[in-house]
Amino acid sequence: MTSKKPQVKLSGSQLTRAQKRAMRSARQLRLSELSRAQKRAMMSAQRTAQRTAQGAQTAAQTAQTAAQRTADRLGPTAGQARDMASTGVYHARVWGAPRLDRAGAYIEKELAPRVGAMMRRTAKRLEPPQPRRRRGMATTLLLAGGALGAAGAIATRRNVARRQAEEPTSAPSERLSSVSDSDSGSDRARTS
């Protein structure tokens, strides 16, 4: 009851022609099936896109309606919350302002001077030692010249004092008469 297909035996050259024909017809069949599948896929994608767009539009309308209902219900509650918040902020300001003022006064009068003094002490500890200054050759010569000049002045004063001590002291009246004689001689020379 099963029908048997007749078997055809082909020779080598006939086989290749038959194979080529079969491959061509298979390609054409595949291309036509492929184009049908592509058309079906495009139609399916378009239908899915239309359904998705309609679903999104419906969802947007539903969400908008729900948001409007929620806003209508919560509107008075939001106003009450705003009023309560402003009252709370006012009470917080009333409570906090004097405390903040006291804290500022404490920092200004007591804490800041302590912190300032501590910072100055720390700065003195941190400061590196001052490098020793080197005196230049000119400064050294100037100091040596000054010392020699001072020594010379002291020696000269001592010599003058010693000479005055060694000189016989004459009476002050004799010294005065000798001075006045020399002065009168110079006056006579001027008048003549």
N, C-alpha and C. Protein backbone atom coordinates (compact mmCIF):
# COMPACT_ATOMS: atom_id res chain seq x y z
N MET A 1 0.76 -1.13 0.00
CA MET A 1 0.00 0.00 0.00
C MET A 1 0.83 1.24 0.00
N THR A 2 2.00 1.01 0.16
CA THR A 2 2.89 2.14 -0.01
C THR A 2 3.36 2.11 -1.44
N SER A 3 3.35 3.27 -2.00
CA SER A 3 3.80 3.34 -3.38
C SER A 3 5.30 3.53 -3.39
N LYS A 4 5.91 2.84 -4.25
CA LYS A 4 7.35 2.95 -4.37
C LYS A 4 7.66 3.93 -5.45
N LYS A 5 8.64 4.70 -5.18
CA LYS A 5 9.06 5.67 -6.17
C LYS A 5 9.98 4.97 -7.14
N PRO A 6 9.80 5.30 -8.41
CA PRO A 6 10.69 4.64 -9.36
C PRO A 6 12.08 5.21 -9.21
N GLN A 7 13.02 4.38 -9.25
CA GLN A 7 14.41 4.79 -9.14
C GLN A 7 14.98 4.96 -10.53
N VAL A 8 15.60 6.09 -10.73
CA VAL A 8 16.17 6.39 -12.03
C VAL A 8 17.66 6.37 -11.86
N LYS A 9 18.28 5.69 -12.79
CA LYS A 9 19.73 5.64 -12.76
C LYS A 9 20.26 6.53 -13.85
N LEU A 10 21.14 7.45 -13.46
CA LEU A 10 21.69 8.38 -14.41
C LEU A 10 23.18 8.16 -14.54
N SER A 11 23.68 8.48 -15.74
CA SER A 11 25.11 8.35 -15.95
C SER A 11 25.81 9.58 -15.40
N GLY A 12 27.17 9.63 -15.49
CA GLY A 12 27.99 10.69 -14.88
C GLY A 12 27.67 12.08 -15.38
N SER A 13 27.58 12.28 -16.72
CA SER A 13 27.31 13.63 -17.22
C SER A 13 25.87 14.01 -16.98
N GLN A 14 24.96 13.07 -17.05
CA GLN A 14 23.57 13.36 -16.79
C GLN A 14 23.37 13.69 -15.31
N LEU A 15 24.15 13.04 -14.49
CA LEU A 15 24.05 13.27 -13.06
C LEU A 15 24.41 14.70 -12.71
N THR A 16 25.45 15.18 -13.30
CA THR A 16 25.84 16.53 -12.97
C THR A 16 24.83 17.53 -13.46
N ARG A 17 24.23 17.31 -14.63
CA ARG A 17 23.21 18.23 -15.12
C ARG A 17 21.99 18.18 -14.21
N ALA A 18 21.62 17.01 -13.82
CA ALA A 18 20.45 16.86 -12.96
C ALA A 18 20.71 17.49 -11.59
N GLN A 19 21.93 17.32 -11.10
CA GLN A 19 22.28 17.94 -9.81
C GLN A 19 22.22 19.45 -9.91
N LYS A 20 22.71 19.98 -11.01
CA LYS A 20 22.71 21.44 -11.19
C LYS A 20 21.29 21.97 -11.24
N ARG A 21 20.41 21.25 -11.99
CA ARG A 21 19.02 21.67 -12.08
C ARG A 21 18.36 21.62 -10.70
N ALA A 22 18.62 20.55 -9.99
CA ALA A 22 18.02 20.38 -8.67
C ALA A 22 18.49 21.49 -7.73
N MET A 23 19.75 21.84 -7.79
CA MET A 23 20.28 22.90 -6.92
C MET A 23 19.67 24.25 -7.28
N ARG A 24 19.48 24.51 -8.59
CA ARG A 24 18.86 25.77 -9.00
C ARG A 24 17.43 25.86 -8.49
N SER A 25 16.71 24.77 -8.70
CA SER A 25 15.31 24.79 -8.25
C SER A 25 15.24 24.90 -6.72
N ALA A 26 16.18 24.30 -5.99
CA ALA A 26 16.20 24.41 -4.52
C ALA A 26 16.49 25.85 -4.10
N ARG A 27 17.41 26.50 -4.79
CA ARG A 27 17.72 27.90 -4.49
C ARG A 27 16.50 28.78 -4.71
N GLN A 28 15.84 28.59 -5.84
CA GLN A 28 14.65 29.40 -6.13
C GLN A 28 13.58 29.16 -5.08
N LEU A 29 13.43 27.90 -4.71
CA LEU A 29 12.44 27.57 -3.70
C LEU A 29 12.80 28.24 -2.36
N ARG A 30 14.09 28.19 -2.01
CA ARG A 30 14.54 28.83 -0.77
C ARG A 30 14.32 30.34 -0.81
N LEU A 31 14.66 30.97 -1.95
CA LEU A 31 14.48 32.41 -2.07
C LEU A 31 13.01 32.78 -1.94
N SER A 32 12.14 32.03 -2.59
CA SER A 32 10.71 32.34 -2.50
C SER A 32 10.22 32.11 -1.08
N GLU A 33 10.68 31.03 -0.43
CA GLU A 33 10.30 30.78 0.96
C GLU A 33 10.86 31.86 1.87
N LEU A 34 12.09 32.26 1.58
CA LEU A 34 12.74 33.30 2.38
C LEU A 34 11.99 34.61 2.25
N SER A 35 11.61 34.98 1.05
CA SER A 35 10.89 36.24 0.88
C SER A 35 9.53 36.15 1.56
N ARG A 36 8.86 34.99 1.50
CA ARG A 36 7.59 34.83 2.19
C ARG A 36 7.79 34.96 3.70
N ALA A 37 8.86 34.38 4.22
CA ALA A 37 9.15 34.46 5.66
C ALA A 37 9.45 35.89 6.07
N GLN A 38 10.18 36.61 5.21
CA GLN A 38 10.47 38.00 5.50
C GLN A 38 9.18 38.82 5.54
N LYS A 39 8.32 38.59 4.57
CA LYS A 39 7.06 39.32 4.53
C LYS A 39 6.23 39.02 5.78
N ARG A 40 6.19 37.72 6.16
CA ARG A 40 5.44 37.35 7.36
C ARG A 40 6.03 38.03 8.60
N ALA A 41 7.35 38.06 8.69
CA ALA A 41 8.02 38.68 9.86
C ALA A 41 7.73 40.17 9.92
N MET A 42 7.76 40.84 8.77
CA MET A 42 7.48 42.28 8.75
C MET A 42 6.05 42.55 9.15
N MET A 43 5.12 41.73 8.65
CA MET A 43 3.71 41.91 9.00
C MET A 43 3.53 41.69 10.51
N SER A 44 4.19 40.69 11.04
CA SER A 44 4.08 40.39 12.47
C SER A 44 4.66 41.54 13.29
N ALA A 45 5.80 42.08 12.86
CA ALA A 45 6.43 43.19 13.57
C ALA A 45 5.53 44.41 13.55
N GLN A 46 4.90 44.69 12.40
CA GLN A 46 4.00 45.84 12.31
C GLN A 46 2.81 45.67 13.24
N ARG A 47 2.23 44.46 13.25
CA ARG A 47 1.09 44.21 14.13
C ARG A 47 1.50 44.39 15.60
N THR A 48 2.69 43.86 15.95
CA THR A 48 3.17 43.97 17.34
C THR A 48 3.40 45.43 17.71
N ALA A 49 3.97 46.20 16.78
CA ALA A 49 4.22 47.62 17.05
C ALA A 49 2.91 48.37 17.25
N GLN A 50 1.88 48.05 16.43
CA GLN A 50 0.59 48.71 16.58
C GLN A 50 -0.04 48.36 17.93
N ARG A 51 0.01 47.09 18.28
CA ARG A 51 -0.56 46.66 19.56
C ARG A 51 0.18 47.33 20.72
N THR A 52 1.54 47.41 20.63
CA THR A 52 2.35 48.03 21.69
C THR A 52 2.02 49.51 21.81
N ALA A 53 1.87 50.20 20.68
CA ALA A 53 1.54 51.63 20.72
C ALA A 53 0.18 51.84 21.35
N GLN A 54 -0.78 51.00 21.00
CA GLN A 54 -2.11 51.14 21.60
C GLN A 54 -2.06 50.87 23.10
N GLY A 55 -1.28 49.84 23.49
CA GLY A 55 -1.14 49.53 24.92
C GLY A 55 -0.47 50.66 25.68
N ALA A 56 0.55 51.26 25.07
CA ALA A 56 1.25 52.37 25.72
C ALA A 56 0.33 53.57 25.87
N GLN A 57 -0.49 53.84 24.84
CA GLN A 57 -1.41 54.97 24.90
C GLN A 57 -2.45 54.74 26.00
N THR A 58 -2.95 53.52 26.09
CA THR A 58 -3.93 53.19 27.13
C THR A 58 -3.30 53.33 28.52
N ALA A 59 -2.06 52.83 28.65
CA ALA A 59 -1.37 52.92 29.94
C ALA A 59 -1.11 54.37 30.33
N ALA A 60 -0.75 55.20 29.36
CA ALA A 60 -0.50 56.62 29.65
C ALA A 60 -1.78 57.30 30.12
N GLN A 61 -2.91 56.99 29.45
CA GLN A 61 -4.18 57.60 29.87
C GLN A 61 -4.57 57.14 31.27
N THR A 62 -4.36 55.86 31.56
CA THR A 62 -4.68 55.34 32.88
C THR A 62 -3.81 56.00 33.95
N ALA A 63 -2.50 56.13 33.65
CA ALA A 63 -1.58 56.76 34.62
C ALA A 63 -1.95 58.21 34.85
N GLN A 64 -2.32 58.91 33.78
CA GLN A 64 -2.69 60.31 33.92
C GLN A 64 -3.95 60.46 34.78
N THR A 65 -4.91 59.59 34.56
CA THR A 65 -6.14 59.64 35.36
C THR A 65 -5.83 59.35 36.83
N ALA A 66 -4.98 58.32 37.08
CA ALA A 66 -4.63 57.98 38.47
C ALA A 66 -3.86 59.11 39.13
N ALA A 67 -2.95 59.77 38.39
CA ALA A 67 -2.19 60.88 38.95
C ALA A 67 -3.10 62.04 39.30
N GLN A 68 -4.07 62.30 38.45
CA GLN A 68 -5.00 63.39 38.71
C GLN A 68 -5.83 63.10 39.97
N ARG A 69 -6.29 61.85 40.10
CA ARG A 69 -7.06 61.48 41.30
C ARG A 69 -6.19 61.62 42.55
N THR A 70 -4.93 61.18 42.46
CA THR A 70 -4.03 61.27 43.61
C THR A 70 -3.75 62.72 43.97
N ALA A 71 -3.54 63.57 42.97
CA ALA A 71 -3.30 64.99 43.22
C ALA A 71 -4.51 65.63 43.88
N ASP A 72 -5.71 65.25 43.41
CA ASP A 72 -6.92 65.81 44.03
C ASP A 72 -7.05 65.39 45.48
N ARG A 73 -6.66 64.15 45.78
CA ARG A 73 -6.76 63.66 47.16
C ARG A 73 -5.68 64.27 48.05
N LEU A 74 -4.45 64.42 47.52
CA LEU A 74 -3.32 64.86 48.35
C LEU A 74 -3.14 66.37 48.36
N GLY A 75 -3.83 67.12 47.53
CA GLY A 75 -3.69 68.57 47.49
C GLY A 75 -3.87 69.22 48.84
N PRO A 76 -4.97 68.97 49.52
CA PRO A 76 -5.14 69.58 50.85
C PRO A 76 -4.09 69.09 51.84
N THR A 77 -3.67 67.85 51.74
CA THR A 77 -2.66 67.32 52.65
C THR A 77 -1.32 68.02 52.45
N ALA A 78 -0.99 68.30 51.20
CA ALA A 78 0.27 69.00 50.91
C ALA A 78 0.25 70.40 51.49
N GLY A 79 -0.89 71.08 51.40
CA GLY A 79 -1.00 72.42 51.99
C GLY A 79 -0.82 72.38 53.49
N GLN A 80 -1.43 71.38 54.13
CA GLN A 80 -1.27 71.24 55.58
C GLN A 80 0.18 70.95 55.94
N ALA A 81 0.83 70.10 55.14
CA ALA A 81 2.23 69.77 55.42
C ALA A 81 3.11 71.01 55.26
N ARG A 82 2.81 71.85 54.26
CA ARG A 82 3.58 73.08 54.07
C ARG A 82 3.41 74.00 55.26
N ASP A 83 2.18 74.14 55.73
CA ASP A 83 1.92 75.00 56.90
C ASP A 83 2.64 74.48 58.14
N MET A 84 2.59 73.17 58.34
CA MET A 84 3.25 72.58 59.51
C MET A 84 4.77 72.76 59.42
N ALA A 85 5.30 72.61 58.22
CA ALA A 85 6.74 72.77 58.05
C ALA A 85 7.17 74.21 58.33
N SER A 86 6.40 75.17 57.85
CA SER A 86 6.77 76.57 58.10
C SER A 86 6.69 76.89 59.59
N THR A 87 5.70 76.34 60.29
CA THR A 87 5.60 76.54 61.74
C THR A 87 6.80 75.92 62.44
N GLY A 88 7.18 74.71 62.01
CA GLY A 88 8.34 74.05 62.61
C GLY A 88 9.63 74.83 62.38
N VAL A 89 9.79 75.38 61.19
CA VAL A 89 10.99 76.17 60.90
C VAL A 89 11.01 77.42 61.78
N TYR A 90 9.85 78.06 61.96
CA TYR A 90 9.79 79.25 62.81
C TYR A 90 10.21 78.92 64.24
N HIS A 91 9.67 77.85 64.78
CA HIS A 91 10.01 77.47 66.16
C HIS A 91 11.49 77.10 66.27
N ALA A 92 12.03 76.45 65.26
CA ALA A 92 13.46 76.11 65.29
C ALA A 92 14.32 77.36 65.27
N ARG A 93 13.90 78.37 64.51
CA ARG A 93 14.66 79.62 64.48
C ARG A 93 14.59 80.35 65.81
N VAL A 94 13.38 80.35 66.43
CA VAL A 94 13.21 81.00 67.74
C VAL A 94 14.10 80.31 68.78
N TRP A 95 14.16 79.00 68.74
CA TRP A 95 14.95 78.24 69.70
C TRP A 95 16.45 78.39 69.43
N GLY A 96 16.86 78.38 68.16
CA GLY A 96 18.28 78.33 67.83
C GLY A 96 19.00 79.67 67.84
N ALA A 97 18.31 80.76 67.57
CA ALA A 97 18.97 82.07 67.46
C ALA A 97 19.70 82.47 68.74
N PRO A 98 19.08 82.42 69.94
CA PRO A 98 19.81 82.83 71.14
C PRO A 98 20.99 81.91 71.46
N ARG A 99 20.81 80.63 71.20
CA ARG A 99 21.91 79.70 71.46
C ARG A 99 23.09 79.96 70.54
N LEU A 100 22.80 80.25 69.29
CA LEU A 100 23.86 80.56 68.34
C LEU A 100 24.55 81.87 68.71
N ASP A 101 23.79 82.83 69.21
CA ASP A 101 24.37 84.10 69.64
C ASP A 101 25.31 83.89 70.82
N ARG A 102 24.88 83.07 71.80
CA ARG A 102 25.73 82.78 72.95
C ARG A 102 27.00 82.06 72.52
N ALA A 103 26.86 81.12 71.62
CA ALA A 103 28.04 80.38 71.15
C ALA A 103 29.02 81.32 70.45
N GLY A 104 28.49 82.26 69.66
CA GLY A 104 29.35 83.23 68.98
C GLY A 104 30.09 84.12 69.97
N ALA A 105 29.39 84.56 71.00
CA ALA A 105 30.03 85.41 72.02
C ALA A 105 31.12 84.64 72.74
N TYR A 106 30.86 83.37 73.08
CA TYR A 106 31.87 82.55 73.76
C TYR A 106 33.11 82.39 72.88
N ILE A 107 32.90 82.10 71.62
CA ILE A 107 34.04 81.92 70.70
C ILE A 107 34.81 83.21 70.58
N GLU A 108 34.09 84.32 70.47
CA GLU A 108 34.73 85.62 70.27
C GLU A 108 35.54 86.06 71.48
N LYS A 109 34.98 85.85 72.68
CA LYS A 109 35.62 86.38 73.88
C LYS A 109 36.59 85.41 74.55
N GLU A 110 36.29 84.13 74.53
CA GLU A 110 37.11 83.20 75.30
C GLU A 110 37.89 82.22 74.44
N LEU A 111 37.24 81.61 73.48
CA LEU A 111 37.88 80.56 72.72
C LEU A 111 38.88 81.10 71.70
N ALA A 112 38.51 82.16 70.99
CA ALA A 112 39.38 82.68 69.94
C ALA A 112 40.73 83.15 70.49
N PRO A 113 40.77 83.92 71.62
CA PRO A 113 42.09 84.31 72.12
C PRO A 113 42.94 83.10 72.51
N ARG A 114 42.31 82.07 73.08
CA ARG A 114 43.07 80.87 73.45
C ARG A 114 43.63 80.19 72.21
N VAL A 115 42.78 80.05 71.22
CA VAL A 115 43.22 79.41 69.98
C VAL A 115 44.32 80.23 69.32
N GLY A 116 44.15 81.55 69.34
CA GLY A 116 45.17 82.42 68.74
C GLY A 116 46.51 82.28 69.45
N ALA A 117 46.49 82.27 70.78
CA ALA A 117 47.72 82.13 71.54
C ALA A 117 48.37 80.77 71.29
N MET A 118 47.53 79.74 71.22
CA MET A 118 48.06 78.40 70.95
C MET A 118 48.70 78.36 69.56
N MET A 119 48.08 79.01 68.60
CA MET A 119 48.64 79.02 67.25
C MET A 119 49.96 79.78 67.21
N ARG A 120 50.06 80.88 67.95
CA ARG A 120 51.33 81.63 67.99
C ARG A 120 52.44 80.80 68.61
N ARG A 121 52.11 80.10 69.72
CA ARG A 121 53.12 79.24 70.35
C ARG A 121 53.57 78.14 69.39
N THR A 122 52.63 77.56 68.71
CA THR A 122 52.97 76.50 67.76
C THR A 122 53.82 77.05 66.63
N ALA A 123 53.50 78.25 66.17
CA ALA A 123 54.28 78.86 65.08
C ALA A 123 55.72 79.11 65.53
N LYS A 124 55.89 79.55 66.79
CA LYS A 124 57.25 79.78 67.29
C LYS A 124 58.03 78.48 67.37
N ARG A 125 57.33 77.40 67.73
CA ARG A 125 58.01 76.10 67.80
C ARG A 125 58.37 75.60 66.41
N LEU A 126 57.54 75.89 65.46
CA LEU A 126 57.77 75.40 64.10
C LEU A 126 58.81 76.20 63.34
N GLU A 127 58.98 77.45 63.71
CA GLU A 127 59.87 78.33 62.96
C GLU A 127 61.31 77.82 63.05
N PRO A 128 61.99 77.72 61.92
CA PRO A 128 63.38 77.24 61.95
C PRO A 128 64.29 78.30 62.56
N PRO A 129 65.42 77.88 63.13
CA PRO A 129 66.34 78.88 63.72
C PRO A 129 66.90 79.79 62.63
N GLN A 130 67.15 81.04 63.03
CA GLN A 130 67.69 82.01 62.08
C GLN A 130 69.15 81.65 61.78
N PRO A 131 69.55 81.69 60.53
CA PRO A 131 70.95 81.38 60.20
C PRO A 131 71.87 82.50 60.70
N ARG A 132 73.06 82.11 61.12
CA ARG A 132 74.02 83.12 61.58
C ARG A 132 74.47 83.94 60.39
N ARG A 133 74.60 85.23 60.66
CA ARG A 133 75.05 86.10 59.57
C ARG A 133 76.57 86.10 59.51
N ARG A 134 77.07 86.03 58.35
CA ARG A 134 78.53 86.14 58.18
C ARG A 134 78.86 87.60 57.90
N ARG A 135 79.89 88.04 58.57
CA ARG A 135 80.28 89.41 58.32
C ARG A 135 81.27 89.40 57.17
N GLY A 136 81.10 90.33 56.30
CA GLY A 136 81.98 90.43 55.16
C GLY A 136 83.32 91.04 55.54
N MET A 137 84.22 91.00 54.61
CA MET A 137 85.56 91.54 54.83
C MET A 137 85.51 93.04 55.10
N ALA A 138 84.65 93.76 54.38
CA ALA A 138 84.56 95.21 54.56
C ALA A 138 84.07 95.54 55.97
N THR A 139 83.11 94.80 56.46
CA THR A 139 82.60 95.05 57.80
C THR A 139 83.68 94.78 58.84
N THR A 140 84.44 93.73 58.65
CA THR A 140 85.51 93.40 59.59
C THR A 140 86.57 94.49 59.61
N LEU A 141 86.97 94.96 58.42
CA LEU A 141 87.97 96.03 58.36
C LEU A 141 87.45 97.32 58.99
N LEU A 142 86.18 97.61 58.75
CA LEU A 142 85.60 98.81 59.33
C LEU A 142 85.58 98.74 60.86
N LEU A 143 85.20 97.59 61.39
CA LEU A 143 85.21 97.43 62.84
C LEU A 143 86.63 97.52 63.40
N ALA A 144 87.60 96.91 62.71
CA ALA A 144 88.99 96.97 63.18
C ALA A 144 89.53 98.40 63.14
N GLY A 145 89.19 99.15 62.08
CA GLY A 145 89.62 100.55 61.98
C GLY A 145 89.01 101.39 63.08
N GLY A 146 87.72 101.14 63.37
CA GLY A 146 87.06 101.88 64.45
C GLY A 146 87.72 101.58 65.79
N ALA A 147 88.05 100.30 66.01
CA ALA A 147 88.69 99.94 67.28
C ALA A 147 90.06 100.61 67.39
N LEU A 148 90.84 100.62 66.28
CA LEU A 148 92.17 101.27 66.31
C LEU A 148 92.04 102.77 66.54
N GLY A 149 91.04 103.39 65.91
CA GLY A 149 90.82 104.82 66.09
C GLY A 149 90.47 105.14 67.54
N ALA A 150 89.61 104.31 68.12
CA ALA A 150 89.23 104.53 69.52
C ALA A 150 90.44 104.36 70.43
N ALA A 151 91.25 103.32 70.15
CA ALA A 151 92.45 103.11 70.96
C ALA A 151 93.42 104.29 70.82
N GLY A 152 93.56 104.81 69.61
CA GLY A 152 94.44 105.97 69.39
C GLY A 152 93.95 107.20 70.13
N ALA A 153 92.62 107.40 70.10
CA ALA A 153 92.06 108.56 70.80
C ALA A 153 92.28 108.44 72.30
N ILE A 154 92.13 107.24 72.83
CA ILE A 154 92.34 107.03 74.26
C ILE A 154 93.81 107.27 74.60
N ALA A 155 94.71 106.76 73.75
CA ALA A 155 96.15 106.94 74.02
C ALA A 155 96.52 108.41 73.97
N THR A 156 95.97 109.14 73.01
CA THR A 156 96.28 110.57 72.89
C THR A 156 95.80 111.32 74.12
N ARG A 157 94.63 111.01 74.59
CA ARG A 157 94.10 111.68 75.78
C ARG A 157 94.98 111.40 76.99
N ARG A 158 95.43 110.16 77.08
CA ARG A 158 96.29 109.82 78.23
C ARG A 158 97.62 110.57 78.15
N ASN A 159 98.17 110.67 76.96
CA ASN A 159 99.44 111.39 76.80
C ASN A 159 99.27 112.87 77.16
N VAL A 160 98.20 113.48 76.72
CA VAL A 160 97.95 114.89 77.03
C VAL A 160 97.78 115.04 78.54
N ALA A 161 97.06 114.11 79.15
CA ALA A 161 96.83 114.21 80.59
C ALA A 161 98.15 114.03 81.34
N ARG A 162 99.00 113.12 80.85
CA ARG A 162 100.27 112.89 81.51
C ARG A 162 101.17 114.12 81.37
N ARG A 163 101.23 114.75 80.21
CA ARG A 163 102.05 115.94 80.01
C ARG A 163 101.59 117.08 80.91
N GLN A 164 100.29 117.20 80.99
CA GLN A 164 99.76 118.27 81.85
C GLN A 164 100.11 117.99 83.31
N ALA A 165 100.13 116.72 83.66
CA ALA A 165 100.46 116.38 85.04
C ALA A 165 101.95 116.60 85.29
N GLU A 166 102.81 116.40 84.29
CA GLU A 166 104.26 116.57 84.45
C GLU A 166 104.68 118.03 84.42
N GLU A 167 103.99 118.90 83.75
CA GLU A 167 104.35 120.30 83.66
C GLU A 167 104.18 120.95 85.03
N PRO A 168 105.14 121.83 85.34
CA PRO A 168 104.97 122.51 86.62
C PRO A 168 103.79 123.46 86.51
N THR A 169 103.06 123.45 87.47
CA THR A 169 101.88 124.30 87.45
C THR A 169 102.28 125.69 87.90
N SER A 170 101.95 126.64 87.12
CA SER A 170 102.22 128.02 87.50
C SER A 170 100.93 128.61 88.05
N ALA A 171 101.07 129.70 88.70
CA ALA A 171 99.90 130.31 89.31
C ALA A 171 98.97 130.77 88.21
N PRO A 172 97.76 130.76 88.48
CA PRO A 172 96.79 131.16 87.45
C PRO A 172 96.97 132.63 87.08
N SER A 173 97.41 133.45 87.99
CA SER A 173 97.56 134.87 87.65
C SER A 173 98.72 135.04 86.69
N GLU A 174 99.78 134.26 86.84
CA GLU A 174 100.91 134.37 85.92
C GLU A 174 100.50 133.95 84.53
N ARG A 175 99.73 132.90 84.47
CA ARG A 175 99.29 132.43 83.17
C ARG A 175 98.43 133.51 82.50
N LEU A 176 97.60 134.15 83.27
CA LEU A 176 96.73 135.16 82.71
C LEU A 176 97.53 136.37 82.23
N SER A 177 98.57 136.77 82.99
CA SER A 177 99.36 137.94 82.58
C SER A 177 100.14 137.63 81.32
N SER A 178 100.63 136.40 81.22
CA SER A 178 101.37 136.07 80.00
C SER A 178 100.43 136.04 78.81
N VAL A 179 99.23 135.63 79.01
CA VAL A 179 98.26 135.59 77.91
C VAL A 179 97.89 137.02 77.56
N SER A 180 97.67 137.88 78.54
CA SER A 180 97.27 139.24 78.24
C SER A 180 98.42 140.02 77.60
N ASP A 181 99.70 139.73 77.97
CA ASP A 181 100.83 140.39 77.32
C ASP A 181 100.91 140.01 75.85
N SER A 182 100.71 138.79 75.58
CA SER A 182 100.79 138.37 74.18
C SER A 182 99.65 138.98 73.39
N ASP A 183 98.52 139.14 74.03
CA ASP A 183 97.37 139.74 73.33
C ASP A 183 97.61 141.23 73.09
N SER A 184 98.19 141.94 74.09
CA SER A 184 98.41 143.37 73.93
C SER A 184 99.47 143.63 72.88
N GLY A 185 100.46 142.75 72.75
CA GLY A 185 101.49 142.91 71.72
C GLY A 185 100.89 142.76 70.35
N SER A 186 99.96 141.90 70.22
CA SER A 186 99.33 141.70 68.89
C SER A 186 98.41 142.88 68.58
N ASP A 187 97.81 143.49 69.67
CA ASP A 187 96.96 144.66 69.42
C ASP A 187 97.81 145.82 68.97
N ARG A 188 99.03 145.98 69.56
CA ARG A 188 99.90 147.08 69.17
C ARG A 188 100.35 146.90 67.73
N ALA A 189 100.58 145.69 67.34
CA ALA A 189 101.04 145.46 65.96
C ALA A 189 99.92 145.80 64.99
N ARG A 190 98.73 145.62 65.39
CA ARG A 190 97.61 145.88 64.51
C ARG A 190 97.39 147.39 64.35
N THR A 191 97.56 148.13 65.43
CA THR A 191 97.33 149.58 65.40
C THR A 191 98.44 150.30 64.68
N SER A 192 99.62 149.80 64.65
CA SER A 192 100.70 150.54 64.04
C SER A 192 100.79 150.35 62.59
